[in-house]
Amino acid sequence: MDEHEWIKVFETTKMHRALIVQSILQEHEIESVILNKQDSSYIILGEIHVMVKLEDSIDAMIILEDEIA
């Protein structure tokens, strides 16, 4: 398995929500990236994913469950 495998921990259609989630993860020292899969012509089509490294995915999901719920 690739040690740099990334996994989706959050999905939204609004960039500001993805940035908030990324900020929360950063506060907990979890590296994340935003993968924008929205259509450039029609932003209502597609999603924005917040991705973390596989080894951080469980911690990230627990943090987000506590922070966002």
PDB file of N, CA and C in Angstrom:
ATOM      1  N   MET A   1       0.851  -1.184   0.000  1.00  0.00           N
ATOM      2  CA  MET A   1       0.000   0.000   0.000  1.00  0.00           C
ATOM      3  C   MET A   1       0.889   1.237   0.000  1.00  0.00           C
ATOM      4  N   ASP A   2       0.526   2.219  -0.783  1.00  0.00           N
ATOM      5  CA  ASP A   2       1.267   3.466  -0.865  1.00  0.00           C
ATOM      6  C   ASP A   2       1.137   4.225   0.452  1.00  0.00           C
ATOM      7  N   GLU A   3       2.264   4.620   1.026  1.00  0.00           N
ATOM      8  CA  GLU A   3       2.220   5.316   2.314  1.00  0.00           C
ATOM      9  C   GLU A   3       1.607   6.702   2.215  1.00  0.00           C
ATOM     10  N   HIS A   4       1.473   7.220   1.005  1.00  0.00           N
ATOM     11  CA  HIS A   4       0.890   8.548   0.820  1.00  0.00           C
ATOM     12  C   HIS A   4      -0.521   8.468   0.249  1.00  0.00           C
ATOM     13  N   GLU A   5      -1.205   7.384   0.524  1.00  0.00           N
ATOM     14  CA  GLU A   5      -2.575   7.248   0.052  1.00  0.00           C
ATOM     15  C   GLU A   5      -3.471   8.225   0.826  1.00  0.00           C
ATOM     16  N   TRP A   6      -4.377   8.871   0.100  1.00  0.00           N
ATOM     17  CA  TRP A   6      -5.277   9.854   0.695  1.00  0.00           C
ATOM     18  C   TRP A   6      -6.694   9.308   0.685  1.00  0.00           C
ATOM     19  N   ILE A   7      -7.480   9.702   1.685  1.00  0.00           N
ATOM     20  CA  ILE A   7      -8.854   9.223   1.807  1.00  0.00           C
ATOM     21  C   ILE A   7      -9.770  10.419   2.093  1.00  0.00           C
ATOM     22  N   LYS A   8     -10.973  10.364   1.554  1.00  0.00           N
ATOM     23  CA  LYS A   8     -11.946  11.448   1.736  1.00  0.00           C
ATOM     24  C   LYS A   8     -12.568  11.346   3.129  1.00  0.00           C
ATOM     25  N   VAL A   9     -12.557  12.469   3.858  1.00  0.00           N
ATOM     26  CA  VAL A   9     -13.191  12.502   5.176  1.00  0.00           C
ATOM     27  C   VAL A   9     -14.356  13.484   5.236  1.00  0.00           C
ATOM     28  N   PHE A  10     -14.516  14.289   4.180  1.00  0.00           N
ATOM     29  CA  PHE A  10     -15.611  15.258   4.164  1.00  0.00           C
ATOM     30  C   PHE A  10     -15.935  15.599   2.719  1.00  0.00           C
ATOM     31  N   GLU A  11     -17.223  15.815   2.455  1.00  0.00           N
ATOM     32  CA  GLU A  11     -17.685  16.162   1.115  1.00  0.00           C
ATOM     33  C   GLU A  11     -18.736  17.257   1.214  1.00  0.00           C
ATOM     34  N   THR A  12     -18.649  18.233   0.319  1.00  0.00           N
ATOM     35  CA  THR A  12     -19.589  19.350   0.300  1.00  0.00           C
ATOM     36  C   THR A  12     -19.668  19.911  -1.110  1.00  0.00           C
ATOM     37  N   THR A  13     -20.604  20.801  -1.324  1.00  0.00           N
ATOM     38  CA  THR A  13     -20.676  21.523  -2.593  1.00  0.00           C
ATOM     39  C   THR A  13     -20.276  22.982  -2.408  1.00  0.00           C
ATOM     40  N   LYS A  14     -19.908  23.358  -1.191  1.00  0.00           N
ATOM     41  CA  LYS A  14     -19.580  24.745  -0.880  1.00  0.00           C
ATOM     42  C   LYS A  14     -18.116  24.853  -0.430  1.00  0.00           C
ATOM     43  N   MET A  15     -17.342  25.639  -1.159  1.00  0.00           N
ATOM     44  CA  MET A  15     -15.908  25.764  -0.873  1.00  0.00           C
ATOM     45  C   MET A  15     -15.650  26.282   0.532  1.00  0.00           C
ATOM     46  N   HIS A  16     -16.460  27.220   1.013  1.00  0.00           N
ATOM     47  CA  HIS A  16     -16.205  27.774   2.351  1.00  0.00           C
ATOM     48  C   HIS A  16     -16.322  26.693   3.432  1.00  0.00           C
ATOM     49  N   ARG A  17     -17.213  25.728   3.260  1.00  0.00           N
ATOM     50  CA  ARG A  17     -17.333  24.639   4.239  1.00  0.00           C
ATOM     51  C   ARG A  17     -16.095  23.750   4.195  1.00  0.00           C
ATOM     52  N   ALA A  18     -15.581  23.477   3.014  1.00  0.00           N
ATOM     53  CA  ALA A  18     -14.366  22.673   2.884  1.00  0.00           C
ATOM     54  C   ALA A  18     -13.183  23.386   3.551  1.00  0.00           C
ATOM     55  N   LEU A  19     -13.105  24.692   3.390  1.00  0.00           N
ATOM     56  CA  LEU A  19     -12.016  25.453   4.006  1.00  0.00           C
ATOM     57  C   LEU A  19     -12.128  25.457   5.531  1.00  0.00           C
ATOM     58  N   ILE A  20     -13.342  25.517   6.054  1.00  0.00           N
ATOM     59  CA  ILE A  20     -13.547  25.442   7.508  1.00  0.00           C
ATOM     60  C   ILE A  20     -13.085  24.087   8.031  1.00  0.00           C
ATOM     61  N   VAL A  21     -13.469  23.021   7.345  1.00  0.00           N
ATOM     62  CA  VAL A  21     -13.061  21.672   7.755  1.00  0.00           C
ATOM     63  C   VAL A  21     -11.538  21.546   7.696  1.00  0.00           C
ATOM     64  N   GLN A  22     -10.940  22.066   6.638  1.00  0.00           N
ATOM     65  CA  GLN A  22      -9.483  22.006   6.526  1.00  0.00           C
ATOM     66  C   GLN A  22      -8.822  22.765   7.681  1.00  0.00           C
ATOM     67  N   SER A  23      -9.400  23.892   8.069  1.00  0.00           N
ATOM     68  CA  SER A  23      -8.866  24.671   9.190  1.00  0.00           C
ATOM     69  C   SER A  23      -8.968  23.905  10.504  1.00  0.00           C
ATOM     70  N   ILE A  24     -10.091  23.235  10.723  1.00  0.00           N
ATOM     71  CA  ILE A  24     -10.271  22.430  11.934  1.00  0.00           C
ATOM     72  C   ILE A  24      -9.217  21.330  11.993  1.00  0.00           C
ATOM     73  N   LEU A  25      -9.001  20.667  10.880  1.00  0.00           N
ATOM     74  CA  LEU A  25      -7.994  19.599  10.848  1.00  0.00           C
ATOM     75  C   LEU A  25      -6.595  20.152  11.090  1.00  0.00           C
ATOM     76  N   GLN A  26      -6.313  21.318  10.527  1.00  0.00           N
ATOM     77  CA  GLN A  26      -5.009  21.946  10.720  1.00  0.00           C
ATOM     78  C   GLN A  26      -4.777  22.279  12.197  1.00  0.00           C
ATOM     79  N   GLU A  27      -5.826  22.724  12.893  1.00  0.00           N
ATOM     80  CA  GLU A  27      -5.709  23.018  14.326  1.00  0.00           C
ATOM     81  C   GLU A  27      -5.299  21.783  15.117  1.00  0.00           C
ATOM     82  N   HIS A  28      -5.664  20.611  14.607  1.00  0.00           N
ATOM     83  CA  HIS A  28      -5.322  19.350  15.265  1.00  0.00           C
ATOM     84  C   HIS A  28      -4.093  18.685  14.634  1.00  0.00           C
ATOM     85  N   GLU A  29      -3.362  19.483  13.851  1.00  0.00           N
ATOM     86  CA  GLU A  29      -2.113  19.049  13.213  1.00  0.00           C
ATOM     87  C   GLU A  29      -2.302  17.850  12.291  1.00  0.00           C
ATOM     88  N   ILE A  30      -3.423  17.848  11.568  1.00  0.00           N
ATOM     89  CA  ILE A  30      -3.680  16.826  10.558  1.00  0.00           C
ATOM     90  C   ILE A  30      -3.613  17.499   9.192  1.00  0.00           C
ATOM     91  N   GLU A  31      -2.690  17.019   8.375  1.00  0.00           N
ATOM     92  CA  GLU A  31      -2.524  17.568   7.032  1.00  0.00           C
ATOM     93  C   GLU A  31      -3.708  17.160   6.163  1.00  0.00           C
ATOM     94  N   SER A  32      -4.213  18.101   5.383  1.00  0.00           N
ATOM     95  CA  SER A  32      -5.339  17.804   4.499  1.00  0.00           C
ATOM     96  C   SER A  32      -5.186  18.570   3.197  1.00  0.00           C
ATOM     97  N   VAL A  33      -5.876  18.095   2.177  1.00  0.00           N
ATOM     98  CA  VAL A  33      -5.921  18.783   0.893  1.00  0.00           C
ATOM     99  C   VAL A  33      -7.372  18.850   0.442  1.00  0.00           C
ATOM    100  N   ILE A  34      -7.661  19.845  -0.355  1.00  0.00           N
ATOM    101  CA  ILE A  34      -9.001  19.991  -0.926  1.00  0.00           C
ATOM    102  C   ILE A  34      -8.942  19.565  -2.382  1.00  0.00           C
ATOM    103  N   LEU A  35      -9.822  18.650  -2.736  1.00  0.00           N
ATOM    104  CA  LEU A  35      -9.932  18.160  -4.102  1.00  0.00           C
ATOM    105  C   LEU A  35     -11.261  18.649  -4.658  1.00  0.00           C
ATOM    106  N   ASN A  36     -11.186  19.613  -5.566  1.00  0.00           N
ATOM    107  CA  ASN A  36     -12.384  20.224  -6.131  1.00  0.00           C
ATOM    108  C   ASN A  36     -12.780  19.465  -7.390  1.00  0.00           C
ATOM    109  N   LYS A  37     -13.906  18.759  -7.327  1.00  0.00           N
ATOM    110  CA  LYS A  37     -14.401  17.995  -8.462  1.00  0.00           C
ATOM    111  C   LYS A  37     -15.606  18.672  -9.114  1.00  0.00           C
ATOM    112  N   GLN A  38     -15.783  19.964  -8.817  1.00  0.00           N
ATOM    113  CA  GLN A  38     -16.895  20.691  -9.411  1.00  0.00           C
ATOM    114  C   GLN A  38     -16.573  21.038 -10.861  1.00  0.00           C
ATOM    115  N   ASP A  39     -17.603  21.049 -11.678  1.00  0.00           N
ATOM    116  CA  ASP A  39     -17.470  21.445 -13.071  1.00  0.00           C
ATOM    117  C   ASP A  39     -17.144  22.936 -13.114  1.00  0.00           C
ATOM    118  N   SER A  40     -16.147  23.312 -13.893  1.00  0.00           N
ATOM    119  CA  SER A  40     -15.740  24.717 -13.926  1.00  0.00           C
ATOM    120  C   SER A  40     -16.794  25.620 -14.563  1.00  0.00           C
ATOM    121  N   SER A  41     -17.649  25.075 -15.398  1.00  0.00           N
ATOM    122  CA  SER A  41     -18.696  25.876 -16.031  1.00  0.00           C
ATOM    123  C   SER A  41     -19.978  25.915 -15.211  1.00  0.00           C
ATOM    124  N   TYR A  42     -20.252  24.814 -14.514  1.00  0.00           N
ATOM    125  CA  TYR A  42     -21.486  24.689 -13.734  1.00  0.00           C
ATOM    126  C   TYR A  42     -21.134  24.229 -12.331  1.00  0.00           C
ATOM    127  N   ILE A  43     -20.878  25.187 -11.435  1.00  0.00           N
ATOM    128  CA  ILE A  43     -20.400  24.820 -10.105  1.00  0.00           C
ATOM    129  C   ILE A  43     -21.427  24.071  -9.267  1.00  0.00           C
ATOM    130  N   ILE A  44     -22.657  23.992  -9.751  1.00  0.00           N
ATOM    131  CA  ILE A  44     -23.657  23.214  -9.019  1.00  0.00           C
ATOM    132  C   ILE A  44     -23.490  21.717  -9.276  1.00  0.00           C
ATOM    133  N   LEU A  45     -22.640  21.377 -10.234  1.00  0.00           N
ATOM    134  CA  LEU A  45     -22.376  19.975 -10.545  1.00  0.00           C
ATOM    135  C   LEU A  45     -21.036  19.567  -9.941  1.00  0.00           C
ATOM    136  N   GLY A  46     -21.046  18.495  -9.178  1.00  0.00           N
ATOM    137  CA  GLY A  46     -19.815  18.001  -8.590  1.00  0.00           C
ATOM    138  C   GLY A  46     -19.683  18.356  -7.130  1.00  0.00           C
ATOM    139  N   GLU A  47     -18.664  17.782  -6.509  1.00  0.00           N
ATOM    140  CA  GLU A  47     -18.437  17.962  -5.083  1.00  0.00           C
ATOM    141  C   GLU A  47     -17.021  18.455  -4.832  1.00  0.00           C
ATOM    142  N   ILE A  48     -16.827  18.899  -3.607  1.00  0.00           N
ATOM    143  CA  ILE A  48     -15.508  19.269  -3.111  1.00  0.00           C
ATOM    144  C   ILE A  48     -15.193  18.289  -1.985  1.00  0.00           C
ATOM    145  N   HIS A  49     -14.051  17.629  -2.074  1.00  0.00           N
ATOM    146  CA  HIS A  49     -13.658  16.637  -1.072  1.00  0.00           C
ATOM    147  C   HIS A  49     -12.506  17.179  -0.234  1.00  0.00           C
ATOM    148  N   VAL A  50     -12.556  16.921   1.060  1.00  0.00           N
ATOM    149  CA  VAL A  50     -11.420  17.176   1.937  1.00  0.00           C
ATOM    150  C   VAL A  50     -10.780  15.810   2.175  1.00  0.00           C
ATOM    151  N   MET A  51      -9.490  15.728   1.847  1.00  0.00           N
ATOM    152  CA  MET A  51      -8.762  14.469   1.896  1.00  0.00           C
ATOM    153  C   MET A  51      -7.660  14.542   2.953  1.00  0.00           C
ATOM    154  N   VAL A  52      -7.434  13.415   3.634  1.00  0.00           N
ATOM    155  CA  VAL A  52      -6.326  13.295   4.588  1.00  0.00           C
ATOM    156  C   VAL A  52      -5.561  12.021   4.276  1.00  0.00           C
ATOM    157  N   LYS A  53      -4.355  11.937   4.808  1.00  0.00           N
ATOM    158  CA  LYS A  53      -3.569  10.719   4.641  1.00  0.00           C
ATOM    159  C   LYS A  53      -4.278   9.568   5.340  1.00  0.00           C
ATOM    160  N   LEU A  54      -4.145   8.397   4.774  1.00  0.00           N
ATOM    161  CA  LEU A  54      -4.828   7.216   5.290  1.00  0.00           C
ATOM    162  C   LEU A  54      -4.573   7.012   6.778  1.00  0.00           C
ATOM    163  N   GLU A  55      -3.341   7.202   7.204  1.00  0.00           N
ATOM    164  CA  GLU A  55      -3.004   6.968   8.617  1.00  0.00           C
ATOM    165  C   GLU A  55      -3.648   7.988   9.555  1.00  0.00           C
ATOM    166  N   ASP A  56      -4.108   9.124   9.037  1.00  0.00           N
ATOM    167  CA  ASP A  56      -4.769  10.146   9.858  1.00  0.00           C
ATOM    168  C   ASP A  56      -6.285  10.105   9.742  1.00  0.00           C
ATOM    169  N   SER A  57      -6.816   9.213   8.921  1.00  0.00           N
ATOM    170  CA  SER A  57      -8.240   9.254   8.586  1.00  0.00           C
ATOM    171  C   SER A  57      -9.155   9.002   9.786  1.00  0.00           C
ATOM    172  N   ILE A  58      -8.826   8.063  10.633  1.00  0.00           N
ATOM    173  CA  ILE A  58      -9.690   7.768  11.790  1.00  0.00           C
ATOM    174  C   ILE A  58      -9.725   8.956  12.747  1.00  0.00           C
ATOM    175  N   ASP A  59      -8.549   9.503  13.053  1.00  0.00           N
ATOM    176  CA  ASP A  59      -8.504  10.674  13.937  1.00  0.00           C
ATOM    177  C   ASP A  59      -9.277  11.836  13.330  1.00  0.00           C
ATOM    178  N   ALA A  60      -9.119  12.046  12.033  1.00  0.00           N
ATOM    179  CA  ALA A  60      -9.807  13.152  11.359  1.00  0.00           C
ATOM    180  C   ALA A  60     -11.317  12.978  11.432  1.00  0.00           C
ATOM    181  N   MET A  61     -11.800  11.774  11.199  1.00  0.00           N
ATOM    182  CA  MET A  61     -13.242  11.525  11.241  1.00  0.00           C
ATOM    183  C   MET A  61     -13.806  11.751  12.643  1.00  0.00           C
ATOM    184  N   ILE A  62     -13.069  11.341  13.655  1.00  0.00           N
ATOM    185  CA  ILE A  62     -13.511  11.541  15.042  1.00  0.00           C
ATOM    186  C   ILE A  62     -13.561  13.033  15.364  1.00  0.00           C
ATOM    187  N   ILE A  63     -12.522  13.755  14.981  1.00  0.00           N
ATOM    188  CA  ILE A  63     -12.474  15.202  15.223  1.00  0.00           C
ATOM    189  C   ILE A  63     -13.627  15.898  14.524  1.00  0.00           C
ATOM    190  N   LEU A  64     -13.847  15.567  13.263  1.00  0.00           N
ATOM    191  CA  LEU A  64     -14.912  16.225  12.509  1.00  0.00           C
ATOM    192  C   LEU A  64     -16.299  15.870  13.053  1.00  0.00           C
ATOM    193  N   GLU A  65     -16.454  14.654  13.511  1.00  0.00           N
ATOM    194  CA  GLU A  65     -17.742  14.255  14.109  1.00  0.00           C
ATOM    195  C   GLU A  65     -18.029  15.103  15.338  1.00  0.00           C
ATOM    196  N   ASP A  66     -17.008  15.345  16.151  1.00  0.00           N
ATOM    197  CA  ASP A  66     -17.180  16.161  17.364  1.00  0.00           C
ATOM    198  C   ASP A  66     -17.358  17.642  17.039  1.00  0.00           C
ATOM    199  N   GLU A  67     -16.607  18.144  16.069  1.00  0.00           N
ATOM    200  CA  GLU A  67     -16.595  19.578  15.767  1.00  0.00           C
ATOM    201  C   GLU A  67     -17.785  20.027  14.915  1.00  0.00           C
ATOM    202  N   ILE A  68     -18.204  19.206  13.982  1.00  0.00           N
ATOM    203  CA  ILE A  68     -19.241  19.623  13.030  1.00  0.00           C
ATOM    204  C   ILE A  68     -20.645  19.232  13.480  1.00  0.00           C
ATOM    205  N   ALA A  69     -20.761  18.158  14.188  1.00  0.00           N
ATOM    206  CA  ALA A  69     -22.087  17.655  14.593  1.00  0.00           C
ATOM    207  C   ALA A  69     -22.752  18.542  15.613  1.00  0.00           C
TER     208      ALA A  69
END
